[in-house]
Amino acid sequence: MASATAIALTLTPILCTLLLRGKFHSEDQNPVMRFLQRLYRPRFVALDHRSVTLGLALAFFLGAVLLASGVGSEFMPPLNEGDIMFMPSPMPASPSRKTRICEAAGRSLSRFPEVAYVGSKGRARGNLD
């Protein structure tokens, strides 16, 4: 990427001056460009109303930040000092068996006096019992 940028910034202008010769016409004299400008000009409303466009972009950004601030609490419970999160990956088993495994592991971990809360999450890999 760096070498492509260096070539684009150094070699391209030199090649343009060497290879492109003759008289250059403005874009308004080219009928294709005039047609494309007439076609696209109504779609450039954002350029004519910059403050409204920037205000809407800022409002969408702040809304996204507000919504993103709550993401994460659904995926992981709050853990404080003394809490432990146990995520076993047992052999393929039924969900009821995995629940029993997680409950048994939680009971054995909560016997330690340092552990105040045990949360567990098992992965569903199969439906075998």
C-alpha atoms as a PDB file:
ATOM      1  CA  MET A   1       0.000   0.000   0.000  1.00  0.00           C
ATOM      2  CA  ALA A   2       2.807   2.387   0.841  1.00  0.00           C
ATOM      3  CA  SER A   3       4.626   1.772  -2.437  1.00  0.00           C
ATOM      4  CA  ALA A   4       1.408   2.193  -4.434  1.00  0.00           C
ATOM      5  CA  THR A   5       0.806   5.515  -2.689  1.00  0.00           C
ATOM      6  CA  ALA A   6       4.382   6.637  -3.343  1.00  0.00           C
ATOM      7  CA  ILE A   7       4.078   5.778  -7.042  1.00  0.00           C
ATOM      8  CA  ALA A   8       0.712   7.515  -7.300  1.00  0.00           C
ATOM      9  CA  LEU A   9       2.118  10.681  -5.740  1.00  0.00           C
ATOM     10  CA  THR A  10       5.455  10.795  -7.561  1.00  0.00           C
ATOM     11  CA  LEU A  11       5.380   8.907 -10.847  1.00  0.00           C
ATOM     12  CA  THR A  12       1.831   9.680 -12.005  1.00  0.00           C
ATOM     13  CA  PRO A  13       2.242  13.488 -12.250  1.00  0.00           C
ATOM     14  CA  ILE A  14       5.509  13.066 -14.141  1.00  0.00           C
ATOM     15  CA  LEU A  15       3.940  10.629 -16.596  1.00  0.00           C
ATOM     16  CA  CYS A  16       0.972  12.964 -17.088  1.00  0.00           C
ATOM     17  CA  THR A  17       3.228  15.840 -18.097  1.00  0.00           C
ATOM     18  CA  LEU A  18       5.213  13.606 -20.461  1.00  0.00           C
ATOM     19  CA  LEU A  19       2.376  11.649 -22.075  1.00  0.00           C
ATOM     20  CA  LEU A  20      -0.568  14.064 -22.144  1.00  0.00           C
ATOM     21  CA  ARG A  21       0.071  16.808 -24.645  1.00  0.00           C
ATOM     22  CA  GLY A  22      -2.088  19.118 -26.644  1.00  0.00           C
ATOM     23  CA  LYS A  23      -4.956  21.402 -25.801  1.00  0.00           C
ATOM     24  CA  PHE A  24      -7.168  20.492 -22.858  1.00  0.00           C
ATOM     25  CA  HIS A  25     -10.833  21.442 -22.981  1.00  0.00           C
ATOM     26  CA  SER A  26     -12.986  22.270 -20.010  1.00  0.00           C
ATOM     27  CA  GLU A  27     -15.631  19.849 -18.825  1.00  0.00           C
ATOM     28  CA  ASP A  28     -18.403  22.169 -19.999  1.00  0.00           C
ATOM     29  CA  GLN A  29     -17.384  21.724 -23.637  1.00  0.00           C
ATOM     30  CA  ASN A  30     -17.715  17.943 -23.494  1.00  0.00           C
ATOM     31  CA  PRO A  31     -21.317  16.838 -24.263  1.00  0.00           C
ATOM     32  CA  VAL A  32     -20.988  13.629 -22.241  1.00  0.00           C
ATOM     33  CA  MET A  33     -19.876  15.579 -19.171  1.00  0.00           C
ATOM     34  CA  ARG A  34     -22.680  18.105 -19.605  1.00  0.00           C
ATOM     35  CA  PHE A  35     -25.214  15.256 -19.748  1.00  0.00           C
ATOM     36  CA  LEU A  36     -23.734  13.580 -16.659  1.00  0.00           C
ATOM     37  CA  GLN A  37     -23.701  16.855 -14.732  1.00  0.00           C
ATOM     38  CA  ARG A  38     -27.379  17.458 -15.566  1.00  0.00           C
ATOM     39  CA  LEU A  39     -28.133  13.874 -14.560  1.00  0.00           C
ATOM     40  CA  TYR A  40     -26.321  13.970 -11.211  1.00  0.00           C
ATOM     41  CA  ARG A  41     -26.794  17.589 -10.121  1.00  0.00           C
ATOM     42  CA  PRO A  42     -30.207  16.984  -8.445  1.00  0.00           C
ATOM     43  CA  ARG A  43     -28.681  14.167  -6.421  1.00  0.00           C
ATOM     44  CA  PHE A  44     -26.079  16.483  -4.877  1.00  0.00           C
ATOM     45  CA  VAL A  45     -28.554  18.108  -2.514  1.00  0.00           C
ATOM     46  CA  ALA A  46     -26.197  17.377   0.372  1.00  0.00           C
ATOM     47  CA  LEU A  47     -23.596  19.722  -1.115  1.00  0.00           C
ATOM     48  CA  ASP A  48     -26.090  22.575  -1.222  1.00  0.00           C
ATOM     49  CA  HIS A  49     -27.253  21.982   2.362  1.00  0.00           C
ATOM     50  CA  ARG A  50     -24.024  21.194   4.180  1.00  0.00           C
ATOM     51  CA  SER A  51     -25.144  22.220   7.656  1.00  0.00           C
ATOM     52  CA  VAL A  52     -28.255  20.025   7.503  1.00  0.00           C
ATOM     53  CA  THR A  53     -26.210  17.117   6.145  1.00  0.00           C
ATOM     54  CA  LEU A  54     -23.567  17.464   8.862  1.00  0.00           C
ATOM     55  CA  GLY A  55     -26.273  17.809  11.519  1.00  0.00           C
ATOM     56  CA  LEU A  56     -27.978  14.615  10.381  1.00  0.00           C
ATOM     57  CA  ALA A  57     -24.659  12.773  10.232  1.00  0.00           C
ATOM     58  CA  LEU A  58     -23.811  13.942  13.756  1.00  0.00           C
ATOM     59  CA  ALA A  59     -27.258  12.916  15.023  1.00  0.00           C
ATOM     60  CA  PHE A  60     -26.890   9.443  13.480  1.00  0.00           C
ATOM     61  CA  PHE A  61     -23.397   9.123  14.956  1.00  0.00           C
ATOM     62  CA  LEU A  62     -24.542  10.127  18.441  1.00  0.00           C
ATOM     63  CA  GLY A  63     -27.482   7.732  18.166  1.00  0.00           C
ATOM     64  CA  ALA A  64     -25.144   4.910  17.183  1.00  0.00           C
ATOM     65  CA  VAL A  65     -22.834   5.716  20.104  1.00  0.00           C
ATOM     66  CA  LEU A  66     -25.820   5.760  22.455  1.00  0.00           C
ATOM     67  CA  LEU A  67     -27.041   2.396  21.174  1.00  0.00           C
ATOM     68  CA  ALA A  68     -23.545   0.894  21.226  1.00  0.00           C
ATOM     69  CA  SER A  69     -23.015   1.874  24.860  1.00  0.00           C
ATOM     70  CA  GLY A  70     -25.550  -0.753  25.945  1.00  0.00           C
ATOM     71  CA  VAL A  71     -24.093  -3.544  23.823  1.00  0.00           C
ATOM     72  CA  GLY A  72     -22.117  -6.085  25.757  1.00  0.00           C
ATOM     73  CA  SER A  73     -24.219  -6.370  28.869  1.00  0.00           C
ATOM     74  CA  GLU A  74     -26.449  -8.895  27.109  1.00  0.00           C
ATOM     75  CA  PHE A  75     -23.533 -11.130  26.217  1.00  0.00           C
ATOM     76  CA  MET A  76     -21.692 -11.266  29.515  1.00  0.00           C
ATOM     77  CA  PRO A  77     -22.983 -10.791  33.054  1.00  0.00           C
ATOM     78  CA  PRO A  78     -21.325  -8.121  35.162  1.00  0.00           C
ATOM     79  CA  LEU A  79     -18.342  -9.599  36.975  1.00  0.00           C
ATOM     80  CA  ASN A  80     -17.051  -8.079  40.186  1.00  0.00           C
ATOM     81  CA  GLU A  81     -14.179  -9.018  42.438  1.00  0.00           C
ATOM     82  CA  GLY A  82     -14.878 -12.431  43.885  1.00  0.00           C
ATOM     83  CA  ASP A  83     -16.991 -13.555  40.909  1.00  0.00           C
ATOM     84  CA  ILE A  84     -15.954 -16.259  38.503  1.00  0.00           C
ATOM     85  CA  MET A  85     -17.146 -16.986  34.977  1.00  0.00           C
ATOM     86  CA  PHE A  86     -16.956 -20.656  34.050  1.00  0.00           C
ATOM     87  CA  MET A  87     -17.288 -21.611  30.382  1.00  0.00           C
ATOM     88  CA  PRO A  88     -16.929 -25.388  30.048  1.00  0.00           C
ATOM     89  CA  SER A  89     -16.584 -27.062  26.671  1.00  0.00           C
ATOM     90  CA  PRO A  90     -17.694 -30.629  27.335  1.00  0.00           C
ATOM     91  CA  MET A  91     -18.129 -33.454  24.876  1.00  0.00           C
ATOM     92  CA  PRO A  92     -21.220 -33.317  22.680  1.00  0.00           C
ATOM     93  CA  ALA A  93     -24.178 -33.726  25.010  1.00  0.00           C
ATOM     94  CA  SER A  94     -27.801 -32.773  25.303  1.00  0.00           C
ATOM     95  CA  PRO A  95     -28.676 -29.340  26.670  1.00  0.00           C
ATOM     96  CA  SER A  96     -30.124 -30.873  29.843  1.00  0.00           C
ATOM     97  CA  ARG A  97     -26.888 -32.774  30.497  1.00  0.00           C
ATOM     98  CA  LYS A  98     -24.821 -29.655  29.896  1.00  0.00           C
ATOM     99  CA  THR A  99     -27.048 -27.781  32.327  1.00  0.00           C
ATOM    100  CA  ARG A 100     -26.431 -30.467  34.965  1.00  0.00           C
ATOM    101  CA  ILE A 101     -22.672 -30.295  34.312  1.00  0.00           C
ATOM    102  CA  CYS A 102     -22.662 -26.492  34.678  1.00  0.00           C
ATOM    103  CA  GLU A 103     -24.743 -26.660  37.862  1.00  0.00           C
ATOM    104  CA  ALA A 104     -22.423 -29.261  39.391  1.00  0.00           C
ATOM    105  CA  ALA A 105     -19.354 -27.235  38.460  1.00  0.00           C
ATOM    106  CA  GLY A 106     -20.981 -24.122  39.909  1.00  0.00           C
ATOM    107  CA  ARG A 107     -21.723 -25.890  43.182  1.00  0.00           C
ATOM    108  CA  SER A 108     -18.161 -27.147  43.505  1.00  0.00           C
ATOM    109  CA  LEU A 109     -16.678 -23.741  42.651  1.00  0.00           C
ATOM    110  CA  SER A 110     -18.975 -21.882  45.058  1.00  0.00           C
ATOM    111  CA  ARG A 111     -17.602 -23.962  47.959  1.00  0.00           C
ATOM    112  CA  PHE A 112     -14.487 -21.798  47.916  1.00  0.00           C
ATOM    113  CA  PRO A 113     -14.836 -18.876  50.335  1.00  0.00           C
ATOM    114  CA  GLU A 114     -13.241 -16.473  47.847  1.00  0.00           C
ATOM    115  CA  VAL A 115     -15.978 -17.066  45.269  1.00  0.00           C
ATOM    116  CA  ALA A 116     -19.098 -14.950  45.753  1.00  0.00           C
ATOM    117  CA  TYR A 117     -20.878 -15.675  42.457  1.00  0.00           C
ATOM    118  CA  VAL A 118     -20.494 -18.321  39.760  1.00  0.00           C
ATOM    119  CA  GLY A 119     -21.916 -17.887  36.278  1.00  0.00           C
ATOM    120  CA  SER A 120     -21.561 -20.625  33.701  1.00  0.00           C
ATOM    121  CA  LYS A 121     -22.133 -20.923  30.015  1.00  0.00           C
ATOM    122  CA  GLY A 122     -22.060 -24.199  28.124  1.00  0.00           C
ATOM    123  CA  ARG A 123     -21.757 -24.576  24.368  1.00  0.00           C
ATOM    124  CA  ALA A 124     -24.254 -26.623  22.410  1.00  0.00           C
ATOM    125  CA  ARG A 125     -22.312 -28.852  20.022  1.00  0.00           C
ATOM    126  CA  GLY A 126     -24.637 -31.738  19.522  1.00  0.00           C
ATOM    127  CA  ASN A 127     -27.798 -33.414  20.627  1.00  0.00           C
ATOM    128  CA  LEU A 128     -26.284 -36.629  21.983  1.00  0.00           C
ATOM    129  CA  ASP A 129     -26.894 -37.883  25.510  1.00  0.00           C
END
